[in-house]
C-alpha atoms as a PDB file:
ATOM      1  CA  MET A   1       0.000   0.000   0.000  1.00  0.00           C
ATOM      2  CA  GLN A   2       1.402   3.364  -1.030  1.00  0.00           C
ATOM      3  CA  ARG A   3       1.380   6.155   1.535  1.00  0.00           C
ATOM      4  CA  LEU A   4       0.342   9.535   0.183  1.00  0.00           C
ATOM      5  CA  THR A   5       0.351  13.116   1.383  1.00  0.00           C
ATOM      6  CA  ILE A   6      -2.840  15.022   2.099  1.00  0.00           C
ATOM      7  CA  GLN A   7      -2.525  16.804  -1.256  1.00  0.00           C
ATOM      8  CA  GLN A   8      -1.895  13.565  -3.142  1.00  0.00           C
ATOM      9  CA  ASN A   9      -4.896  11.892  -1.524  1.00  0.00           C
ATOM     10  CA  LEU A  10      -7.131  14.799  -2.495  1.00  0.00           C
ATOM     11  CA  ASP A  11      -5.785  14.830  -6.068  1.00  0.00           C
ATOM     12  CA  ASN A  12      -5.707  11.061  -6.463  1.00  0.00           C
ATOM     13  CA  CYS A  13      -9.378  10.294  -5.855  1.00  0.00           C
ATOM     14  CA  ASP A  14     -12.046   9.643  -8.440  1.00  0.00           C
ATOM     15  CA  PHE A  15     -14.024  12.661  -9.623  1.00  0.00           C
ATOM     16  CA  ILE A  16     -17.306  10.996  -8.546  1.00  0.00           C
ATOM     17  CA  VAL A  17     -16.363  11.591  -4.895  1.00  0.00           C
ATOM     18  CA  LYS A  18     -17.010  15.097  -3.603  1.00  0.00           C
ATOM     19  CA  LYS A  19     -13.935  16.967  -2.405  1.00  0.00           C
ATOM     20  CA  ASN A  20     -15.806  18.050   0.725  1.00  0.00           C
ATOM     21  CA  ASP A  21     -16.498  14.389   1.581  1.00  0.00           C
ATOM     22  CA  LEU A  22     -12.827  13.539   1.067  1.00  0.00           C
ATOM     23  CA  GLU A  23     -11.808  16.301   3.440  1.00  0.00           C
ATOM     24  CA  TYR A  24     -14.223  15.054   6.110  1.00  0.00           C
ATOM     25  CA  CYS A  25     -12.759  11.563   5.735  1.00  0.00           C
ATOM     26  CA  LEU A  26      -9.216  12.879   6.047  1.00  0.00           C
ATOM     27  CA  MET A  27     -10.139  14.905   9.137  1.00  0.00           C
ATOM     28  CA  ASP A  28     -11.638  11.783  10.709  1.00  0.00           C
ATOM     29  CA  CYS A  29      -8.639   9.596   9.814  1.00  0.00           C
ATOM     30  CA  LEU A  30      -6.098  12.119  11.068  1.00  0.00           C
ATOM     31  CA  GLY A  31      -8.052  13.459  14.040  1.00  0.00           C
ATOM     32  CA  LYS A  32      -7.364  16.972  12.726  1.00  0.00           C
ATOM     33  CA  ASP A  33      -9.465  19.935  11.614  1.00  0.00           C
ATOM     34  CA  ARG A  34      -9.828  21.536   8.190  1.00  0.00           C
ATOM     35  CA  VAL A  35      -7.187  24.168   8.995  1.00  0.00           C
ATOM     36  CA  PHE A  36      -4.612  21.373   9.351  1.00  0.00           C
ATOM     37  CA  LEU A  37      -5.617  19.934   5.972  1.00  0.00           C
ATOM     38  CA  HIS A  38      -5.219  23.288   4.257  1.00  0.00           C
ATOM     39  CA  THR A  39      -1.933  24.277   5.914  1.00  0.00           C
ATOM     40  CA  GLN A  40      -0.176  20.885   6.026  1.00  0.00           C
ATOM     41  CA  ARG A  41      -0.754  19.631   2.477  1.00  0.00           C
ATOM     42  CA  LYS A  42       2.598  17.806   2.419  1.00  0.00           C
ATOM     43  CA  TYR A  43       1.828  15.771   5.549  1.00  0.00           C
ATOM     44  CA  LEU A  44       2.450  12.085   4.769  1.00  0.00           C
ATOM     45  CA  LEU A  45      -0.227   9.792   6.160  1.00  0.00           C
ATOM     46  CA  THR A  46       0.886   6.889   8.358  1.00  0.00           C
ATOM     47  CA  VAL A  47       0.180   3.334   7.218  1.00  0.00           C
ATOM     48  CA  GLU A  48      -2.837   3.145   9.557  1.00  0.00           C
ATOM     49  CA  GLU A  49      -4.195   6.515   8.415  1.00  0.00           C
ATOM     50  CA  GLN A  50      -3.769   5.659   4.740  1.00  0.00           C
ATOM     51  CA  PHE A  51      -5.434   2.255   5.166  1.00  0.00           C
ATOM     52  CA  LYS A  52      -8.432   3.821   6.921  1.00  0.00           C
ATOM     53  CA  PHE A  53      -8.712   6.576   4.309  1.00  0.00           C
ATOM     54  CA  ASN A  54      -8.589   4.033   1.474  1.00  0.00           C
ATOM     55  CA  GLN A  55     -11.426   2.098   3.116  1.00  0.00           C
ATOM     56  CA  TYR A  56     -13.461   5.283   3.394  1.00  0.00           C
ATOM     57  CA  THR A  57     -12.946   6.273  -0.233  1.00  0.00           C
ATOM     58  CA  ASP A  58     -13.860   2.774  -1.431  1.00  0.00           C
ATOM     59  CA  LYS A  59     -17.213   3.174   0.344  1.00  0.00           C
ATOM     60  CA  LEU A  60     -17.740   6.689  -1.008  1.00  0.00           C
ATOM     61  CA  LYS A  61     -17.200   5.411  -4.546  1.00  0.00           C
ATOM     62  CA  LYS A  62     -20.123   3.012  -3.942  1.00  0.00           C
ATOM     63  CA  SER A  63     -22.271   6.082  -3.115  1.00  0.00           C
ATOM     64  CA  ILE A  64     -22.564   5.129   0.572  1.00  0.00           C
ATOM     65  CA  PRO A  65     -23.514   8.371   2.404  1.00  0.00           C
ATOM     66  CA  LEU A  66     -20.639  10.125   4.137  1.00  0.00           C
ATOM     67  CA  ALA A  67     -22.357   9.904   7.547  1.00  0.00           C
ATOM     68  CA  TYR A  68     -22.453   6.101   7.317  1.00  0.00           C
ATOM     69  CA  VAL A  69     -18.857   5.990   6.083  1.00  0.00           C
ATOM     70  CA  ILE A  70     -17.420   7.907   9.053  1.00  0.00           C
ATOM     71  CA  GLY A  71     -20.201   6.854  11.453  1.00  0.00           C
ATOM     72  CA  SER A  72     -21.357  10.288  12.555  1.00  0.00           C
ATOM     73  CA  GLN A  73     -23.332  13.353  11.512  1.00  0.00           C
ATOM     74  CA  PRO A  74     -23.362  16.909  12.920  1.00  0.00           C
ATOM     75  CA  PHE A  75     -26.740  18.117  14.191  1.00  0.00           C
ATOM     76  CA  TYR A  76     -27.728  21.045  16.420  1.00  0.00           C
ATOM     77  CA  ASN A  77     -24.300  21.791  17.934  1.00  0.00           C
ATOM     78  CA  HIS A  78     -23.418  18.119  18.469  1.00  0.00           C
ATOM     79  CA  GLU A  79     -21.931  15.191  16.571  1.00  0.00           C
ATOM     80  CA  PHE A  80     -24.247  12.165  16.559  1.00  0.00           C
ATOM     81  CA  ILE A  81     -23.224   8.549  16.041  1.00  0.00           C
ATOM     82  CA  VAL A  82     -25.181   7.022  13.154  1.00  0.00           C
ATOM     83  CA  SER A  83     -25.365   3.638  11.468  1.00  0.00           C
ATOM     84  CA  PRO A  84     -27.445   2.185   8.613  1.00  0.00           C
ATOM     85  CA  GLN A  85     -30.056   1.230  11.256  1.00  0.00           C
ATOM     86  CA  VAL A  86     -31.039   4.899  11.653  1.00  0.00           C
ATOM     87  CA  LEU A  87     -31.794   7.839   9.395  1.00  0.00           C
ATOM     88  CA  ILE A  88     -29.084  10.409   8.870  1.00  0.00           C
ATOM     89  CA  PRO A  89     -30.157  13.594  10.730  1.00  0.00           C
ATOM     90  CA  ARG A  90     -31.126  16.439   8.377  1.00  0.00           C
ATOM     91  CA  PRO A  91     -30.464  20.138   9.017  1.00  0.00           C
ATOM     92  CA  GLU A  92     -34.155  21.074   8.628  1.00  0.00           C
ATOM     93  CA  THR A  93     -35.079  18.850  11.583  1.00  0.00           C
ATOM     94  CA  GLU A  94     -33.181  21.307  13.796  1.00  0.00           C
ATOM     95  CA  ILE A  95     -36.193  23.598  13.320  1.00  0.00           C
ATOM     96  CA  LEU A  96     -38.289  21.000  15.154  1.00  0.00           C
ATOM     97  CA  VAL A  97     -35.816  20.987  18.059  1.00  0.00           C
ATOM     98  CA  LYS A  98     -35.976  24.782  18.322  1.00  0.00           C
ATOM     99  CA  GLU A  99     -39.781  24.761  18.236  1.00  0.00           C
ATOM    100  CA  VAL A 100     -40.013  22.114  20.972  1.00  0.00           C
ATOM    101  CA  ILE A 101     -37.635  24.101  23.176  1.00  0.00           C
ATOM    102  CA  LYS A 102     -39.623  27.296  22.600  1.00  0.00           C
ATOM    103  CA  THR A 103     -42.870  25.478  23.400  1.00  0.00           C
ATOM    104  CA  GLY A 104     -41.379  23.865  26.498  1.00  0.00           C
ATOM    105  CA  GLU A 105     -40.223  27.251  27.766  1.00  0.00           C
ATOM    106  CA  GLU A 106     -43.819  28.503  27.481  1.00  0.00           C
ATOM    107  CA  ILE A 107     -45.008  25.511  29.498  1.00  0.00           C
ATOM    108  CA  CYS A 108     -42.340  26.255  32.126  1.00  0.00           C
ATOM    109  CA  LYS A 109     -43.935  29.616  32.835  1.00  0.00           C
ATOM    110  CA  GLU A 110     -46.756  27.694  34.505  1.00  0.00           C
ATOM    111  CA  LYS A 111     -44.946  24.612  35.854  1.00  0.00           C
ATOM    112  CA  GLN A 112     -41.414  23.699  36.939  1.00  0.00           C
ATOM    113  CA  SER A 113     -40.742  20.641  34.809  1.00  0.00           C
ATOM    114  CA  VAL A 114     -41.505  19.485  31.269  1.00  0.00           C
ATOM    115  CA  ASN A 115     -41.870  15.863  30.164  1.00  0.00           C
ATOM    116  CA  ILE A 116     -41.180  15.255  26.464  1.00  0.00           C
ATOM    117  CA  LEU A 117     -41.370  12.142  24.297  1.00  0.00           C
ATOM    118  CA  ASP A 118     -39.244  11.824  21.149  1.00  0.00           C
ATOM    119  CA  LEU A 119     -41.286   9.171  19.347  1.00  0.00           C
ATOM    120  CA  GLY A 120     -39.447   7.092  16.744  1.00  0.00           C
ATOM    121  CA  ALA A 121     -36.210   8.677  17.893  1.00  0.00           C
ATOM    122  CA  GLY A 122     -33.753   7.020  15.494  1.00  0.00           C
ATOM    123  CA  SER A 123     -30.286   8.334  16.357  1.00  0.00           C
ATOM    124  CA  GLY A 124     -31.839  10.365  19.187  1.00  0.00           C
ATOM    125  CA  CYS A 125     -30.829  13.645  17.569  1.00  0.00           C
ATOM    126  CA  ILE A 126     -34.094  15.427  18.413  1.00  0.00           C
ATOM    127  CA  GLY A 127     -34.610  14.272  21.993  1.00  0.00           C
ATOM    128  CA  LEU A 128     -30.945  14.343  23.024  1.00  0.00           C
ATOM    129  CA  SER A 129     -30.442  17.814  21.545  1.00  0.00           C
ATOM    130  CA  ILE A 130     -33.366  19.034  23.665  1.00  0.00           C
ATOM    131  CA  ALA A 131     -32.045  17.182  26.728  1.00  0.00           C
ATOM    132  CA  ALA A 132     -28.598  18.751  26.318  1.00  0.00           C
ATOM    133  CA  GLU A 133     -30.115  22.218  26.027  1.00  0.00           C
ATOM    134  CA  LYS A 134     -32.565  21.758  28.921  1.00  0.00           C
ATOM    135  CA  PRO A 135     -31.033  19.495  31.611  1.00  0.00           C
ATOM    136  CA  GLU A 136     -33.909  20.283  33.996  1.00  0.00           C
ATOM    137  CA  TRP A 137     -36.462  18.670  31.633  1.00  0.00           C
ATOM    138  CA  LEU A 138     -37.136  14.926  31.382  1.00  0.00           C
ATOM    139  CA  ILE A 139     -36.876  13.480  27.884  1.00  0.00           C
ATOM    140  CA  CYS A 140     -38.020  10.007  26.870  1.00  0.00           C
ATOM    141  CA  LEU A 141     -36.740   8.570  23.585  1.00  0.00           C
ATOM    142  CA  SER A 142     -38.494   5.616  22.023  1.00  0.00           C
ATOM    143  CA  ASP A 143     -37.987   3.403  18.981  1.00  0.00           C
ATOM    144  CA  PHE A 144     -39.056  -0.086  18.015  1.00  0.00           C
ATOM    145  CA  LYS A 145     -35.756  -1.997  17.700  1.00  0.00           C
ATOM    146  CA  LYS A 146     -33.085  -2.804  20.277  1.00  0.00           C
ATOM    147  CA  GLU A 147     -30.405  -2.061  17.671  1.00  0.00           C
ATOM    148  CA  ILE A 148     -31.750   1.483  17.343  1.00  0.00           C
ATOM    149  CA  ALA A 149     -31.965   1.905  21.125  1.00  0.00           C
ATOM    150  CA  LYS A 150     -28.267   0.990  21.308  1.00  0.00           C
ATOM    151  CA  ILE A 151     -27.421   3.861  18.945  1.00  0.00           C
ATOM    152  CA  ILE A 152     -29.474   6.262  21.097  1.00  0.00           C
ATOM    153  CA  TYR A 153     -27.674   4.993  24.208  1.00  0.00           C
ATOM    154  CA  LYS A 154     -24.255   5.498  22.601  1.00  0.00           C
ATOM    155  CA  ASN A 155     -25.193   9.095  21.781  1.00  0.00           C
ATOM    156  CA  LYS A 156     -26.561   9.632  25.282  1.00  0.00           C
ATOM    157  CA  ILE A 157     -23.209   8.531  26.750  1.00  0.00           C
ATOM    158  CA  LYS A 158     -21.201  10.492  24.163  1.00  0.00           C
ATOM    159  CA  LEU A 159     -23.047  13.716  25.010  1.00  0.00           C
ATOM    160  CA  GLY A 160     -23.086  13.065  28.759  1.00  0.00           C
ATOM    161  CA  ILE A 161     -26.882  13.305  28.963  1.00  0.00           C
ATOM    162  CA  LYS A 162     -28.418  12.440  32.348  1.00  0.00           C
ATOM    163  CA  ASN A 163     -32.020  13.637  31.986  1.00  0.00           C
ATOM    164  CA  CYS A 164     -33.391  11.040  29.583  1.00  0.00           C
ATOM    165  CA  VAL A 165     -34.717   7.506  29.426  1.00  0.00           C
ATOM    166  CA  ILE A 166     -34.698   5.155  26.420  1.00  0.00           C
ATOM    167  CA  THR A 167     -37.560   2.783  25.648  1.00  0.00           C
ATOM    168  CA  VAL A 168     -38.003   0.060  23.041  1.00  0.00           C
ATOM    169  CA  ALA A 169     -41.639   0.049  21.924  1.00  0.00           C
ATOM    170  CA  ASP A 170     -43.914   0.040  18.906  1.00  0.00           C
ATOM    171  CA  TRP A 171     -44.938   3.693  18.873  1.00  0.00           C
ATOM    172  CA  LEU A 172     -46.954   4.488  22.035  1.00  0.00           C
ATOM    173  CA  THR A 173     -47.597   0.983  23.355  1.00  0.00           C
ATOM    174  CA  ALA A 174     -45.246   1.264  26.352  1.00  0.00           C
ATOM    175  CA  PHE A 175     -46.494   4.453  27.994  1.00  0.00           C
ATOM    176  CA  SER A 176     -49.007   5.478  30.639  1.00  0.00           C
ATOM    177  CA  GLN A 177     -51.834   7.905  29.972  1.00  0.00           C
ATOM    178  CA  ASN A 178     -51.264  11.645  30.446  1.00  0.00           C
ATOM    179  CA  SER A 179     -47.479  11.192  30.608  1.00  0.00           C
ATOM    180  CA  PHE A 180     -46.162  13.956  28.368  1.00  0.00           C
ATOM    181  CA  ASP A 181     -46.410  17.707  27.962  1.00  0.00           C
ATOM    182  CA  ILE A 182     -44.993  17.421  24.441  1.00  0.00           C
ATOM    183  CA  ILE A 183     -44.729  14.566  21.954  1.00  0.00           C
ATOM    184  CA  VAL A 184     -42.409  15.234  19.028  1.00  0.00           C
ATOM    185  CA  THR A 185     -41.983  12.827  16.131  1.00  0.00           C
ATOM    186  CA  ASN A 186     -40.256  12.499  12.781  1.00  0.00           C
ATOM    187  CA  PRO A 187     -42.047   9.366  11.548  1.00  0.00           C
ATOM    188  CA  PRO A 188     -41.880   7.615   8.165  1.00  0.00           C
ATOM    189  CA  TYR A 189     -43.839   9.832   5.777  1.00  0.00           C
ATOM    190  CA  ILE A 190     -42.677   9.078   2.226  1.00  0.00           C
ATOM    191  CA  ASP A 191     -45.106   7.472  -0.195  1.00  0.00           C
ATOM    192  CA  ILE A 192     -43.860   3.998  -1.157  1.00  0.00           C
ATOM    193  CA  SER A 193     -44.375   4.842  -4.849  1.00  0.00           C
ATOM    194  CA  SER A 194     -42.487   8.161  -4.672  1.00  0.00           C
ATOM    195  CA  ASN A 195     -39.855   8.720  -7.355  1.00  0.00           C
ATOM    196  CA  MET A 196     -38.461  11.863  -5.716  1.00  0.00           C
ATOM    197  CA  ILE A 197     -36.048  10.097  -3.356  1.00  0.00           C
ATOM    198  CA  GLU A 198     -32.323  10.305  -4.066  1.00  0.00           C
ATOM    199  CA  ASP A 199     -30.786   6.986  -5.100  1.00  0.00           C
ATOM    200  CA  ASN A 200     -28.281   6.813  -2.224  1.00  0.00           C
ATOM    201  CA  VAL A 201     -31.080   7.493   0.297  1.00  0.00           C
ATOM    202  CA  LYS A 202     -33.264   4.797  -1.267  1.00  0.00           C
ATOM    203  CA  LYS A 203     -30.376   2.337  -1.390  1.00  0.00           C
ATOM    204  CA  PHE A 204     -28.715   2.846   1.994  1.00  0.00           C
ATOM    205  CA  GLU A 205     -31.070   4.445   4.533  1.00  0.00           C
ATOM    206  CA  PRO A 206     -33.552   2.254   6.475  1.00  0.00           C
ATOM    207  CA  HIS A 207     -36.805   1.864   4.558  1.00  0.00           C
ATOM    208  CA  ASP A 208     -38.895   1.347   7.694  1.00  0.00           C
ATOM    209  CA  ALA A 209     -37.882   4.853   8.781  1.00  0.00           C
ATOM    210  CA  LEU A 210     -38.595   6.384   5.361  1.00  0.00           C
ATOM    211  CA  TYR A 211     -41.732   4.869   3.856  1.00  0.00           C
ATOM    212  CA  ALA A 212     -45.323   4.520   5.017  1.00  0.00           C
ATOM    213  CA  ASP A 213     -48.537   3.239   3.472  1.00  0.00           C
ATOM    214  CA  GLU A 214     -51.533   5.433   2.613  1.00  0.00           C
ATOM    215  CA  ARG A 215     -49.423   7.835   0.511  1.00  0.00           C
ATOM    216  CA  GLY A 216     -46.980   8.194   3.394  1.00  0.00           C
ATOM    217  CA  LEU A 217     -49.615   9.027   6.009  1.00  0.00           C
ATOM    218  CA  ALA A 218     -50.242   5.667   7.716  1.00  0.00           C
ATOM    219  CA  ASP A 219     -47.862   6.117  10.652  1.00  0.00           C
ATOM    220  CA  ILE A 220     -48.720   9.787  11.130  1.00  0.00           C
ATOM    221  CA  LYS A 221     -52.426   8.919  11.334  1.00  0.00           C
ATOM    222  CA  ARG A 222     -51.726   6.090  13.755  1.00  0.00           C
ATOM    223  CA  ILE A 223     -49.785   8.455  16.006  1.00  0.00           C
ATOM    224  CA  ILE A 224     -52.512  11.108  15.888  1.00  0.00           C
ATOM    225  CA  ILE A 225     -55.246   8.595  16.739  1.00  0.00           C
ATOM    226  CA  SER A 226     -53.394   7.078  19.684  1.00  0.00           C
ATOM    227  CA  CYS A 227     -51.343   9.925  21.156  1.00  0.00           C
ATOM    228  CA  SER A 228     -54.237  11.908  22.652  1.00  0.00           C
ATOM    229  CA  LYS A 229     -54.308   9.475  25.593  1.00  0.00           C
ATOM    230  CA  PHE A 230     -50.673  10.137  26.381  1.00  0.00           C
ATOM    231  CA  ILE A 231     -50.495  13.926  26.054  1.00  0.00           C
ATOM    232  CA  LYS A 232     -51.395  15.905  29.147  1.00  0.00           C
ATOM    233  CA  ASN A 233     -54.320  18.310  29.045  1.00  0.00           C
ATOM    234  CA  ASN A 234     -53.471  21.170  26.650  1.00  0.00           C
ATOM    235  CA  GLY A 235     -50.208  19.419  25.751  1.00  0.00           C
ATOM    236  CA  TYR A 236     -48.565  19.619  22.340  1.00  0.00           C
ATOM    237  CA  LEU A 237     -47.894  17.341  19.389  1.00  0.00           C
ATOM    238  CA  LEU A 238     -45.222  18.309  16.830  1.00  0.00           C
ATOM    239  CA  ILE A 239     -44.756  16.295  13.636  1.00  0.00           C
ATOM    240  CA  GLU A 240     -42.286  16.400  10.772  1.00  0.00           C
ATOM    241  CA  ASN A 241     -44.126  15.537   7.561  1.00  0.00           C
ATOM    242  CA  GLY A 242     -43.908  15.549   3.761  1.00  0.00           C
ATOM    243  CA  TYR A 243     -44.052  18.716   1.687  1.00  0.00           C
ATOM    244  CA  ASP A 244     -47.523  17.908   0.317  1.00  0.00           C
ATOM    245  CA  GLN A 245     -49.173  16.433   3.415  1.00  0.00           C
ATOM    246  CA  SER A 246     -49.969  19.466   5.583  1.00  0.00           C
ATOM    247  CA  SER A 247     -53.563  20.011   4.443  1.00  0.00           C
ATOM    248  CA  GLU A 248     -54.591  16.412   4.994  1.00  0.00           C
ATOM    249  CA  ILE A 249     -52.800  16.247   8.350  1.00  0.00           C
ATOM    250  CA  LYS A 250     -54.493  19.437   9.560  1.00  0.00           C
ATOM    251  CA  LYS A 251     -57.887  18.028   8.609  1.00  0.00           C
ATOM    252  CA  PHE A 252     -57.143  14.711  10.319  1.00  0.00           C
ATOM    253  CA  LEU A 253     -55.950  16.465  13.499  1.00  0.00           C
ATOM    254  CA  ALA A 254     -59.131  18.538  13.656  1.00  0.00           C
ATOM    255  CA  GLN A 255     -61.199  15.377  13.311  1.00  0.00           C
ATOM    256  CA  HIS A 256     -59.387  13.916  16.328  1.00  0.00           C
ATOM    257  CA  ASP A 257     -59.903  16.811  18.741  1.00  0.00           C
ATOM    258  CA  PHE A 258     -56.675  18.766  18.334  1.00  0.00           C
ATOM    259  CA  LYS A 259     -56.694  22.558  18.329  1.00  0.00           C
ATOM    260  CA  ASP A 260     -54.370  25.493  17.545  1.00  0.00           C
ATOM    261  CA  ILE A 261     -53.124  23.626  14.474  1.00  0.00           C
ATOM    262  CA  GLU A 262     -50.341  25.436  12.635  1.00  0.00           C
ATOM    263  CA  VAL A 263     -47.938  24.604   9.825  1.00  0.00           C
ATOM    264  CA  LEU A 264     -44.251  25.491  10.141  1.00  0.00           C
ATOM    265  CA  LEU A 265     -41.849  25.996   7.242  1.00  0.00           C
ATOM    266  CA  ASP A 266     -38.361  24.577   6.777  1.00  0.00           C
ATOM    267  CA  TYR A 267     -35.313  26.506   5.536  1.00  0.00           C
ATOM    268  CA  ASN A 268     -36.600  26.264   1.951  1.00  0.00           C
ATOM    269  CA  ASN A 269     -40.075  27.567   2.887  1.00  0.00           C
ATOM    270  CA  ILE A 270     -41.532  24.078   2.473  1.00  0.00           C
ATOM    271  CA  ARG A 271     -44.497  23.134   4.691  1.00  0.00           C
ATOM    272  CA  ARG A 272     -42.457  20.615   6.671  1.00  0.00           C
ATOM    273  CA  PHE A 273     -43.860  20.563  10.226  1.00  0.00           C
ATOM    274  CA  THR A 274     -47.248  20.530  11.929  1.00  0.00           C
ATOM    275  CA  LYS A 275     -47.817  21.723  15.489  1.00  0.00           C
ATOM    276  CA  CYS A 276     -51.024  21.412  17.521  1.00  0.00           C
ATOM    277  CA  ARG A 277     -52.477  21.150  21.028  1.00  0.00           C
ATOM    278  CA  GLN A 278     -54.621  18.618  22.753  1.00  0.00           C
ATOM    279  CA  LYS A 279     -58.108  19.961  23.380  1.00  0.00           C
ATOM    280  CA  ASP A 280     -59.241  20.437  26.969  1.00  0.00           C
ATOM    281  CA  GLY A 281     -60.201  17.012  28.325  1.00  0.00           C
END
């Protein structure tokens, strides 16, 4: 195996691999930042560093997403461990974190503590980001596979989070009534027949976290129908949904006794989130 410098590694790779991805891989292999890459171009990688980098680039050439290649993804001021068992956190989902925190702060004006459920938590990026920001709140993170719960636990330990619990359950089956002030969820919401999904997402990210029946609405409807038992009086439900689903979701929420229904936009002004309150019981 030939050892190469930083510059040679950047110049030597196939054009199908993005330069930005190569730099992230080099930073991970070397344990250095981008400044080091740009100022130490003649640095010769060690045998171990070169071997690891070659493995990374082989995966990138197969179109495996960068986050799965290096095993982590930045999200809301933190770096989250990810694996092919969980979705890669998206920047727009940070809006949901901010909205939950804002809503929780309003609740805190009337009570000391806030109980929040991150339903279908995946990597835990939503719930753990909230927990890190608000250590006085109690956050529960739930998903349906032990393998996913292990990823959440690794991120909990990595971030030093104390104020959360992790549950393995099929949606809301494990919880007691009137448990939460806020339920937040980023469920599967893509129509199985959709042709708008990028090939590397379709090929490598977990389908049970992407796709849902009923034009992508099956899991969202199931959550709406069942969650009213578990949200405290006047509590909140916040959902991430598809760009074309807001109208139907609003109608369905109204039919199931939710009020103050509002649609929130993502960074591209797409109708990406729905927020509502439980009606007085």
